[in-house]
Every structure is written in C-alpha cells, then in structure tokens.
PDB file of N, CA and C in Angstrom:
ATOM      1  N   UNK A   1      -0.760  -5.940 -28.177  1.00  0.00           N
ATOM      2  CA  UNK A   1      -1.105  -5.864 -26.769  1.00  0.00           C
ATOM      3  C   UNK A   1       0.176  -5.835 -25.941  1.00  0.00           C
ATOM      4  N   UNK A   2       0.210  -4.959 -24.956  1.00  0.00           N
ATOM      5  CA  UNK A   2       1.380  -4.841 -24.081  1.00  0.00           C
ATOM      6  C   UNK A   2       1.545  -6.105 -23.246  1.00  0.00           C
ATOM      7  N   UNK A   3       2.786  -6.427 -22.948  1.00  0.00           N
ATOM      8  CA  UNK A   3       3.099  -7.620 -22.159  1.00  0.00           C
ATOM      9  C   UNK A   3       3.649  -7.219 -20.797  1.00  0.00           C
ATOM     10  N   UNK A   4       3.519  -8.119 -19.862  1.00  0.00           N
ATOM     11  CA  UNK A   4       4.051  -7.946 -18.515  1.00  0.00           C
ATOM     12  C   UNK A   4       4.648  -9.277 -18.091  1.00  0.00           C
ATOM     13  N   UNK A   5       5.355  -9.279 -16.967  1.00  0.00           N
ATOM     14  CA  UNK A   5       5.978 -10.501 -16.468  1.00  0.00           C
ATOM     15  C   UNK A   5       5.595 -10.678 -15.008  1.00  0.00           C
ATOM     16  N   UNK A   6       5.174 -11.892 -14.664  1.00  0.00           N
ATOM     17  CA  UNK A   6       4.742 -12.199 -13.306  1.00  0.00           C
ATOM     18  C   UNK A   6       5.509 -13.404 -12.790  1.00  0.00           C
ATOM     19  N   UNK A   7       6.108 -13.251 -11.602  1.00  0.00           N
ATOM     20  CA  UNK A   7       6.828 -14.348 -10.954  1.00  0.00           C
ATOM     21  C   UNK A   7       6.076 -14.758  -9.700  1.00  0.00           C
ATOM     22  N   UNK A   8       5.837 -16.056  -9.563  1.00  0.00           N
ATOM     23  CA  UNK A   8       5.261 -16.625  -8.350  1.00  0.00           C
ATOM     24  C   UNK A   8       6.432 -17.123  -7.519  1.00  0.00           C
ATOM     25  N   UNK A   9       6.835 -16.342  -6.508  1.00  0.00           N
ATOM     26  CA  UNK A   9       8.046 -16.617  -5.738  1.00  0.00           C
ATOM     27  C   UNK A   9       8.005 -17.941  -4.997  1.00  0.00           C
ATOM     28  N   UNK A  10       6.847 -18.337  -4.509  1.00  0.00           N
ATOM     29  CA  UNK A  10       6.765 -19.555  -3.705  1.00  0.00           C
ATOM     30  C   UNK A  10       7.031 -20.825  -4.503  1.00  0.00           C
ATOM     31  N   UNK A  11       6.774 -20.798  -5.817  1.00  0.00           N
ATOM     32  CA  UNK A  11       7.013 -21.991  -6.632  1.00  0.00           C
ATOM     33  C   UNK A  11       8.074 -21.772  -7.710  1.00  0.00           C
ATOM     34  N   UNK A  12       8.649 -20.566  -7.763  1.00  0.00           N
ATOM     35  CA  UNK A  12       9.727 -20.287  -8.704  1.00  0.00           C
ATOM     36  C   UNK A  12       9.320 -20.320 -10.166  1.00  0.00           C
ATOM     37  N   UNK A  13       8.117 -19.850 -10.479  1.00  0.00           N
ATOM     38  CA  UNK A  13       7.616 -19.841 -11.851  1.00  0.00           C
ATOM     39  C   UNK A  13       7.444 -18.400 -12.309  1.00  0.00           C
ATOM     40  N   UNK A  14       7.968 -18.089 -13.507  1.00  0.00           N
ATOM     41  CA  UNK A  14       7.804 -16.770 -14.115  1.00  0.00           C
ATOM     42  C   UNK A  14       7.092 -16.945 -15.446  1.00  0.00           C
ATOM     43  N   UNK A  15       6.088 -16.119 -15.698  1.00  0.00           N
ATOM     44  CA  UNK A  15       5.327 -16.197 -16.942  1.00  0.00           C
ATOM     45  C   UNK A  15       5.170 -14.811 -17.550  1.00  0.00           C
ATOM     46  N   UNK A  16       5.126 -14.757 -18.878  1.00  0.00           N
ATOM     47  CA  UNK A  16       4.802 -13.532 -19.593  1.00  0.00           C
ATOM     48  C   UNK A  16       3.292 -13.503 -19.766  1.00  0.00           C
ATOM     49  N   UNK A  17       2.694 -12.358 -19.487  1.00  0.00           N
ATOM     50  CA  UNK A  17       1.238 -12.240 -19.489  1.00  0.00           C
ATOM     51  C   UNK A  17       0.819 -10.946 -20.173  1.00  0.00           C
ATOM     52  N   UNK A  18      -0.435 -10.854 -20.609  1.00  0.00           N
ATOM     53  CA  UNK A  18      -0.918  -9.582 -21.145  1.00  0.00           C
ATOM     54  C   UNK A  18      -0.998  -8.542 -20.025  1.00  0.00           C
ATOM     55  N   UNK A  19      -0.530  -7.342 -20.279  1.00  0.00           N
ATOM     56  CA  UNK A  19      -0.619  -6.273 -19.279  1.00  0.00           C
ATOM     57  C   UNK A  19      -2.080  -6.026 -18.938  1.00  0.00           C
ATOM     58  N   UNK A  20      -2.351  -5.826 -17.653  1.00  0.00           N
ATOM     59  CA  UNK A  20      -3.697  -5.536 -17.198  1.00  0.00           C
ATOM     60  C   UNK A  20      -4.461  -6.743 -16.678  1.00  0.00           C
ATOM     61  N   UNK A  21      -3.927  -7.947 -16.880  1.00  0.00           N
ATOM     62  CA  UNK A  21      -4.612  -9.146 -16.382  1.00  0.00           C
ATOM     63  C   UNK A  21      -4.450  -9.231 -14.870  1.00  0.00           C
ATOM     64  N   UNK A  22      -5.422  -9.810 -14.197  1.00  0.00           N
ATOM     65  CA  UNK A  22      -5.357  -9.927 -12.744  1.00  0.00           C
ATOM     66  C   UNK A  22      -4.474 -11.102 -12.334  1.00  0.00           C
ATOM     67  N   UNK A  23      -3.780 -10.940 -11.218  1.00  0.00           N
ATOM     68  CA  UNK A  23      -2.904 -11.983 -10.682  1.00  0.00           C
ATOM     69  C   UNK A  23      -3.675 -13.286 -10.517  1.00  0.00           C
ATOM     70  N   UNK A  24      -4.876 -13.226  -9.980  1.00  0.00           N
ATOM     71  CA  UNK A  24      -5.640 -14.439  -9.697  1.00  0.00           C
ATOM     72  C   UNK A  24      -5.983 -15.196 -10.973  1.00  0.00           C
ATOM     73  N   UNK A  25      -6.197 -14.487 -12.084  1.00  0.00           N
ATOM     74  CA  UNK A  25      -6.509 -15.158 -13.348  1.00  0.00           C
ATOM     75  C   UNK A  25      -5.336 -16.006 -13.827  1.00  0.00           C
ATOM     76  N   UNK A  26      -4.124 -15.470 -13.702  1.00  0.00           N
ATOM     77  CA  UNK A  26      -2.939 -16.234 -14.102  1.00  0.00           C
ATOM     78  C   UNK A  26      -2.693 -17.365 -13.118  1.00  0.00           C
ATOM     79  N   UNK A  27      -2.848 -17.101 -11.844  1.00  0.00           N
ATOM     80  CA  UNK A  27      -2.667 -18.139 -10.829  1.00  0.00           C
ATOM     81  C   UNK A  27      -3.574 -19.329 -11.107  1.00  0.00           C
ATOM     82  N   UNK A  28      -4.804 -19.045 -11.435  1.00  0.00           N
ATOM     83  CA  UNK A  28      -5.772 -20.108 -11.712  1.00  0.00           C
ATOM     84  C   UNK A  28      -5.387 -20.895 -12.972  1.00  0.00           C
ATOM     85  N   UNK A  29      -4.939 -20.188 -14.011  1.00  0.00           N
ATOM     86  CA  UNK A  29      -4.575 -20.849 -15.274  1.00  0.00           C
ATOM     87  C   UNK A  29      -3.402 -21.805 -15.120  1.00  0.00           C
ATOM     88  N   UNK A  30      -2.395 -21.400 -14.328  1.00  0.00           N
ATOM     89  CA  UNK A  30      -1.209 -22.258 -14.232  1.00  0.00           C
ATOM     90  C   UNK A  30      -1.180 -23.095 -12.961  1.00  0.00           C
ATOM     91  N   UNK A  31      -2.207 -22.959 -12.138  1.00  0.00           N
ATOM     92  CA  UNK A  31      -2.333 -23.809 -10.957  1.00  0.00           C
ATOM     93  C   UNK A  31      -1.335 -23.536  -9.855  1.00  0.00           C
ATOM     94  N   UNK A  32      -1.144 -22.261  -9.501  1.00  0.00           N
ATOM     95  CA  UNK A  32      -0.164 -21.923  -8.466  1.00  0.00           C
ATOM     96  C   UNK A  32      -0.680 -22.141  -7.056  1.00  0.00           C
ATOM     97  N   UNK A  33      -1.960 -22.280  -6.901  1.00  0.00           N
ATOM     98  CA  UNK A  33      -2.500 -22.573  -5.579  1.00  0.00           C
ATOM     99  C   UNK A  33      -2.866 -21.379  -4.725  1.00  0.00           C
ATOM    100  N   UNK A  34      -2.910 -20.162  -5.296  1.00  0.00           N
ATOM    101  CA  UNK A  34      -3.394 -19.032  -4.504  1.00  0.00           C
ATOM    102  C   UNK A  34      -4.868 -19.300  -4.207  1.00  0.00           C
ATOM    103  N   UNK A  35      -5.201 -19.303  -2.936  1.00  0.00           N
ATOM    104  CA  UNK A  35      -6.567 -19.584  -2.511  1.00  0.00           C
ATOM    105  C   UNK A  35      -7.402 -18.319  -2.676  1.00  0.00           C
ATOM    106  N   UNK A  36      -8.597 -18.475  -3.195  1.00  0.00           N
ATOM    107  CA  UNK A  36      -9.496 -17.334  -3.340  1.00  0.00           C
ATOM    108  C   UNK A  36     -10.928 -17.801  -3.156  1.00  0.00           C
ATOM    109  N   UNK A  37     -11.800 -16.870  -2.885  1.00  0.00           N
ATOM    110  CA  UNK A  37     -13.200 -17.206  -2.690  1.00  0.00           C
ATOM    111  C   UNK A  37     -14.108 -16.437  -3.628  1.00  0.00           C
ATOM    112  N   UNK A  38     -14.159 -15.136  -3.460  1.00  0.00           N
ATOM    113  CA  UNK A  38     -15.177 -14.343  -4.143  1.00  0.00           C
ATOM    114  C   UNK A  38     -14.733 -13.743  -5.478  1.00  0.00           C
ATOM    115  N   UNK A  39     -13.453 -13.549  -5.699  1.00  0.00           N
ATOM    116  CA  UNK A  39     -12.903 -12.884  -6.893  1.00  0.00           C
ATOM    117  C   UNK A  39     -13.329 -11.415  -7.005  1.00  0.00           C
ATOM    118  N   UNK A  40     -13.866 -10.864  -5.936  1.00  0.00           N
ATOM    119  CA  UNK A  40     -14.354  -9.483  -5.953  1.00  0.00           C
ATOM    120  C   UNK A  40     -13.666  -8.583  -4.931  1.00  0.00           C
ATOM    121  N   UNK A  41     -12.727  -9.103  -4.152  1.00  0.00           N
ATOM    122  CA  UNK A  41     -12.036  -8.295  -3.158  1.00  0.00           C
ATOM    123  C   UNK A  41     -12.737  -8.201  -1.820  1.00  0.00           C
ATOM    124  N   UNK A  42     -13.786  -8.984  -1.623  1.00  0.00           N
ATOM    125  CA  UNK A  42     -14.553  -8.910  -0.380  1.00  0.00           C
ATOM    126  C   UNK A  42     -14.096  -9.886   0.700  1.00  0.00           C
ATOM    127  N   UNK A  43     -13.683 -11.098   0.315  1.00  0.00           N
ATOM    128  CA  UNK A  43     -13.449 -12.141   1.325  1.00  0.00           C
ATOM    129  C   UNK A  43     -12.043 -12.111   1.931  1.00  0.00           C
ATOM    130  N   UNK A  44     -11.049 -11.577   1.216  1.00  0.00           N
ATOM    131  CA  UNK A  44      -9.695 -11.459   1.756  1.00  0.00           C
ATOM    132  C   UNK A  44      -8.865 -12.728   1.743  1.00  0.00           C
ATOM    133  N   UNK A  45      -9.347 -13.809   1.127  1.00  0.00           N
ATOM    134  CA  UNK A  45      -8.588 -15.064   1.151  1.00  0.00           C
ATOM    135  C   UNK A  45      -7.376 -15.066   0.229  1.00  0.00           C
ATOM    136  N   UNK A  46      -7.303 -14.173  -0.723  1.00  0.00           N
ATOM    137  CA  UNK A  46      -6.212 -14.193  -1.705  1.00  0.00           C
ATOM    138  C   UNK A  46      -5.097 -13.190  -1.388  1.00  0.00           C
ATOM    139  N   UNK A  47      -4.903 -12.849  -0.130  1.00  0.00           N
ATOM    140  CA  UNK A  47      -3.846 -11.908   0.247  1.00  0.00           C
ATOM    141  C   UNK A  47      -2.480 -12.423  -0.174  1.00  0.00           C
ATOM    142  N   UNK A  48      -1.671 -11.549  -0.739  1.00  0.00           N
ATOM    143  CA  UNK A  48      -0.294 -11.876  -1.090  1.00  0.00           C
ATOM    144  C   UNK A  48       0.616 -10.788  -0.546  1.00  0.00           C
ATOM    145  N   UNK A  49       1.887 -11.121  -0.353  1.00  0.00           N
ATOM    146  CA  UNK A  49       2.839 -10.149   0.193  1.00  0.00           C
ATOM    147  C   UNK A  49       3.300  -9.179  -0.885  1.00  0.00           C
ATOM    148  N   UNK A  50       3.416  -7.888  -0.553  1.00  0.00           N
ATOM    149  CA  UNK A  50       3.942  -6.917  -1.506  1.00  0.00           C
ATOM    150  C   UNK A  50       5.463  -7.007  -1.589  1.00  0.00           C
ATOM    151  N   UNK A  51       6.001  -6.553  -2.721  1.00  0.00           N
ATOM    152  CA  UNK A  51       7.458  -6.490  -2.869  1.00  0.00           C
ATOM    153  C   UNK A  51       7.994  -5.325  -2.036  1.00  0.00           C
ATOM    154  N   UNK A  52       9.303  -5.212  -1.934  1.00  0.00           N
ATOM    155  CA  UNK A  52       9.925  -4.117  -1.185  1.00  0.00           C
ATOM    156  C   UNK A  52       9.518  -2.768  -1.781  1.00  0.00           C
ATOM    157  N   UNK A  53       9.566  -2.657  -3.106  1.00  0.00           N
ATOM    158  CA  UNK A  53       9.193  -1.405  -3.764  1.00  0.00           C
ATOM    159  C   UNK A  53       7.710  -1.101  -3.541  1.00  0.00           C
ATOM    160  N   UNK A  54       6.870  -2.117  -3.685  1.00  0.00           N
ATOM    161  CA  UNK A  54       5.441  -1.887  -3.481  1.00  0.00           C
ATOM    162  C   UNK A  54       5.151  -1.511  -2.028  1.00  0.00           C
ATOM    163  N   UNK A  55       5.849  -2.134  -1.096  1.00  0.00           N
ATOM    164  CA  UNK A  55       5.672  -1.807   0.327  1.00  0.00           C
ATOM    165  C   UNK A  55       5.980  -0.327   0.554  1.00  0.00           C
ATOM    166  N   UNK A  56       7.033   0.172  -0.106  1.00  0.00           N
ATOM    167  CA  UNK A  56       7.402   1.588   0.017  1.00  0.00           C
ATOM    168  C   UNK A  56       6.264   2.475  -0.493  1.00  0.00           C
ATOM    169  N   UNK A  57       5.698   2.114  -1.640  1.00  0.00           N
ATOM    170  CA  UNK A  57       4.593   2.884  -2.207  1.00  0.00           C
ATOM    171  C   UNK A  57       3.377   2.828  -1.283  1.00  0.00           C
ATOM    172  N   UNK A  58       3.086   1.638  -0.747  1.00  0.00           N
ATOM    173  CA  UNK A  58       1.959   1.481   0.178  1.00  0.00           C
ATOM    174  C   UNK A  58       2.146   2.387   1.390  1.00  0.00           C
ATOM    175  N   UNK A  59       3.351   2.369   1.969  1.00  0.00           N
ATOM    176  CA  UNK A  59       3.628   3.190   3.151  1.00  0.00           C
ATOM    177  C   UNK A  59       3.531   4.674   2.832  1.00  0.00           C
ATOM    178  N   UNK A  60       4.045   5.071   1.657  1.00  0.00           N
ATOM    179  CA  UNK A  60       3.992   6.480   1.273  1.00  0.00           C
ATOM    180  C   UNK A  60       2.557   6.955   1.080  1.00  0.00           C
ATOM    181  N   UNK A  61       1.675   6.052   0.705  1.00  0.00           N
ATOM    182  CA  UNK A  61       0.273   6.402   0.496  1.00  0.00           C
ATOM    183  C   UNK A  61      -0.584   6.083   1.710  1.00  0.00           C
ATOM    184  N   UNK A  62       0.077   5.780   2.821  1.00  0.00           N
ATOM    185  CA  UNK A  62      -0.564   5.534   4.111  1.00  0.00           C
ATOM    186  C   UNK A  62      -1.623   4.437   4.070  1.00  0.00           C
ATOM    187  N   UNK A  63      -1.397   3.415   3.261  1.00  0.00           N
ATOM    188  CA  UNK A  63      -2.317   2.280   3.240  1.00  0.00           C
ATOM    189  C   UNK A  63      -2.170   1.512   4.543  1.00  0.00           C
ATOM    190  N   UNK A  64      -3.259   1.039   5.076  1.00  0.00           N
ATOM    191  CA  UNK A  64      -3.235   0.353   6.355  1.00  0.00           C
ATOM    192  C   UNK A  64      -2.779  -1.093   6.286  1.00  0.00           C
ATOM    193  N   UNK A  65      -2.862  -1.724   5.145  1.00  0.00           N
ATOM    194  CA  UNK A  65      -2.529  -3.135   5.021  1.00  0.00           C
ATOM    195  C   UNK A  65      -1.189  -3.297   4.317  1.00  0.00           C
ATOM    196  N   UNK A  66      -0.509  -4.359   4.670  1.00  0.00           N
ATOM    197  CA  UNK A  66       0.771  -4.662   4.033  1.00  0.00           C
ATOM    198  C   UNK A  66       0.632  -5.859   3.111  1.00  0.00           C
ATOM    199  N   UNK A  67      -0.534  -6.003   2.546  1.00  0.00           N
ATOM    200  CA  UNK A  67      -0.824  -7.063   1.594  1.00  0.00           C
ATOM    201  C   UNK A  67      -1.693  -6.503   0.487  1.00  0.00           C
ATOM    202  N   UNK A  68      -1.781  -7.263  -0.571  1.00  0.00           N
ATOM    203  CA  UNK A  68      -2.668  -6.883  -1.667  1.00  0.00           C
ATOM    204  C   UNK A  68      -3.575  -8.064  -1.979  1.00  0.00           C
ATOM    205  N   UNK A  69      -4.684  -7.818  -2.618  1.00  0.00           N
ATOM    206  CA  UNK A  69      -5.605  -8.876  -2.998  1.00  0.00           C
ATOM    207  C   UNK A  69      -5.295  -9.312  -4.424  1.00  0.00           C
ATOM    208  N   UNK A  70      -4.946 -10.575  -4.590  1.00  0.00           N
ATOM    209  CA  UNK A  70      -4.580 -11.095  -5.910  1.00  0.00           C
ATOM    210  C   UNK A  70      -5.748 -11.024  -6.887  1.00  0.00           C
ATOM    211  N   UNK A  71      -6.973 -11.062  -6.376  1.00  0.00           N
ATOM    212  CA  UNK A  71      -8.128 -11.005  -7.273  1.00  0.00           C
ATOM    213  C   UNK A  71      -8.355  -9.604  -7.823  1.00  0.00           C
ATOM    214  N   UNK A  72      -7.732  -8.594  -7.219  1.00  0.00           N
ATOM    215  CA  UNK A  72      -7.913  -7.216  -7.651  1.00  0.00           C
ATOM    216  C   UNK A  72      -6.662  -6.617  -8.286  1.00  0.00           C
ATOM    217  N   UNK A  73      -5.487  -7.152  -7.970  1.00  0.00           N
ATOM    218  CA  UNK A  73      -4.222  -6.599  -8.466  1.00  0.00           C
ATOM    219  C   UNK A  73      -4.042  -6.911  -9.947  1.00  0.00           C
ATOM    220  N   UNK A  74      -3.825  -5.870 -10.748  1.00  0.00           N
ATOM    221  CA  UNK A  74      -3.567  -6.032 -12.173  1.00  0.00           C
ATOM    222  C   UNK A  74      -2.073  -5.926 -12.424  1.00  0.00           C
ATOM    223  N   UNK A  75      -1.578  -6.756 -13.319  1.00  0.00           N
ATOM    224  CA  UNK A  75      -0.161  -6.765 -13.657  1.00  0.00           C
ATOM    225  C   UNK A  75       0.054  -5.772 -14.792  1.00  0.00           C
ATOM    226  N   UNK A  76       0.873  -4.761 -14.547  1.00  0.00           N
ATOM    227  CA  UNK A  76       1.123  -3.742 -15.562  1.00  0.00           C
ATOM    228  C   UNK A  76       2.563  -3.736 -16.040  1.00  0.00           C
ATOM    229  N   UNK A  77       3.450  -4.404 -15.327  1.00  0.00           N
ATOM    230  CA  UNK A  77       4.862  -4.461 -15.691  1.00  0.00           C
ATOM    231  C   UNK A  77       5.445  -5.744 -15.165  1.00  0.00           C
ATOM    232  N   UNK A  78       6.656  -5.672 -14.656  1.00  0.00           N
ATOM    233  CA  UNK A  78       7.291  -6.852 -14.078  1.00  0.00           C
ATOM    234  C   UNK A  78       7.022  -6.868 -12.580  1.00  0.00           C
ATOM    235  N   UNK A  79       6.490  -7.968 -12.082  1.00  0.00           N
ATOM    236  CA  UNK A  79       6.223  -8.062 -10.654  1.00  0.00           C
ATOM    237  C   UNK A  79       6.308  -9.510 -10.193  1.00  0.00           C
ATOM    238  N   UNK A  80       6.332  -9.665  -8.883  1.00  0.00           N
ATOM    239  CA  UNK A  80       6.339 -11.006  -8.309  1.00  0.00           C
ATOM    240  C   UNK A  80       5.383 -11.031  -7.130  1.00  0.00           C
ATOM    241  N   UNK A  81       4.820 -12.215  -6.881  1.00  0.00           N
ATOM    242  CA  UNK A  81       3.881 -12.382  -5.781  1.00  0.00           C
ATOM    243  C   UNK A  81       4.263 -13.604  -4.964  1.00  0.00           C
ATOM    244  N   UNK A  82       3.850 -13.580  -3.718  1.00  0.00           N
ATOM    245  CA  UNK A  82       4.073 -14.704  -2.808  1.00  0.00           C
ATOM    246  C   UNK A  82       2.865 -14.776  -1.892  1.00  0.00           C
ATOM    247  N   UNK A  83       2.115 -15.895  -1.928  1.00  0.00           N
ATOM    248  CA  UNK A  83       0.942 -15.985  -1.053  1.00  0.00           C
ATOM    249  C   UNK A  83       1.306 -15.724   0.399  1.00  0.00           C
ATOM    250  N   UNK A  84       0.446 -14.982   1.094  1.00  0.00           N
ATOM    251  CA  UNK A  84       0.696 -14.631   2.496  1.00  0.00           C
ATOM    252  C   UNK A  84       0.415 -15.810   3.403  1.00  0.00           C
TER     253      UNK A  84
END
C-alpha cells in the first residue's frame, strides 16, 4: 500500500499514513482536535487552511473558497494542515 505523510502544523506532529486516507480520520485517531460534525462535507466545521501550493491550484481552478474540508480531503502525498 502506498504511503503518504501528513503534518498537523498547529501541534507540530507529522505522521506517515496510507495514501488515500481522509485527513479527518487521522486527526481523530491521534487526537489533533480538528472539530467536525457530519463527516460528509455538509456542515463546514472542519475547514482547514490550504498550503501555498494548494492555494495556487485552488486559484488556478477558480475555486471560491480558500479552505478545504478535512472530512473530504484525501492524503495522496506529503501535505500539512492547520485548522482554520
């Protein structure tokens, strides 16, 4: 199984995870404190800030929001998150 790396910037924790796992699943397992409600992308409570590179991609694709939902974001490589 492919591996990925996720850093929680607010608490300075980096973990190796299976590629494709959702940010919220790892947050819940290690107790990072990302608040969530529905786990389906409807409530918006799990917003996190995008990285500089991700912000560039978001802007290039004309996305209206400058945040991502941790319950929907899948980790495919090396990334970091910071609760909004």
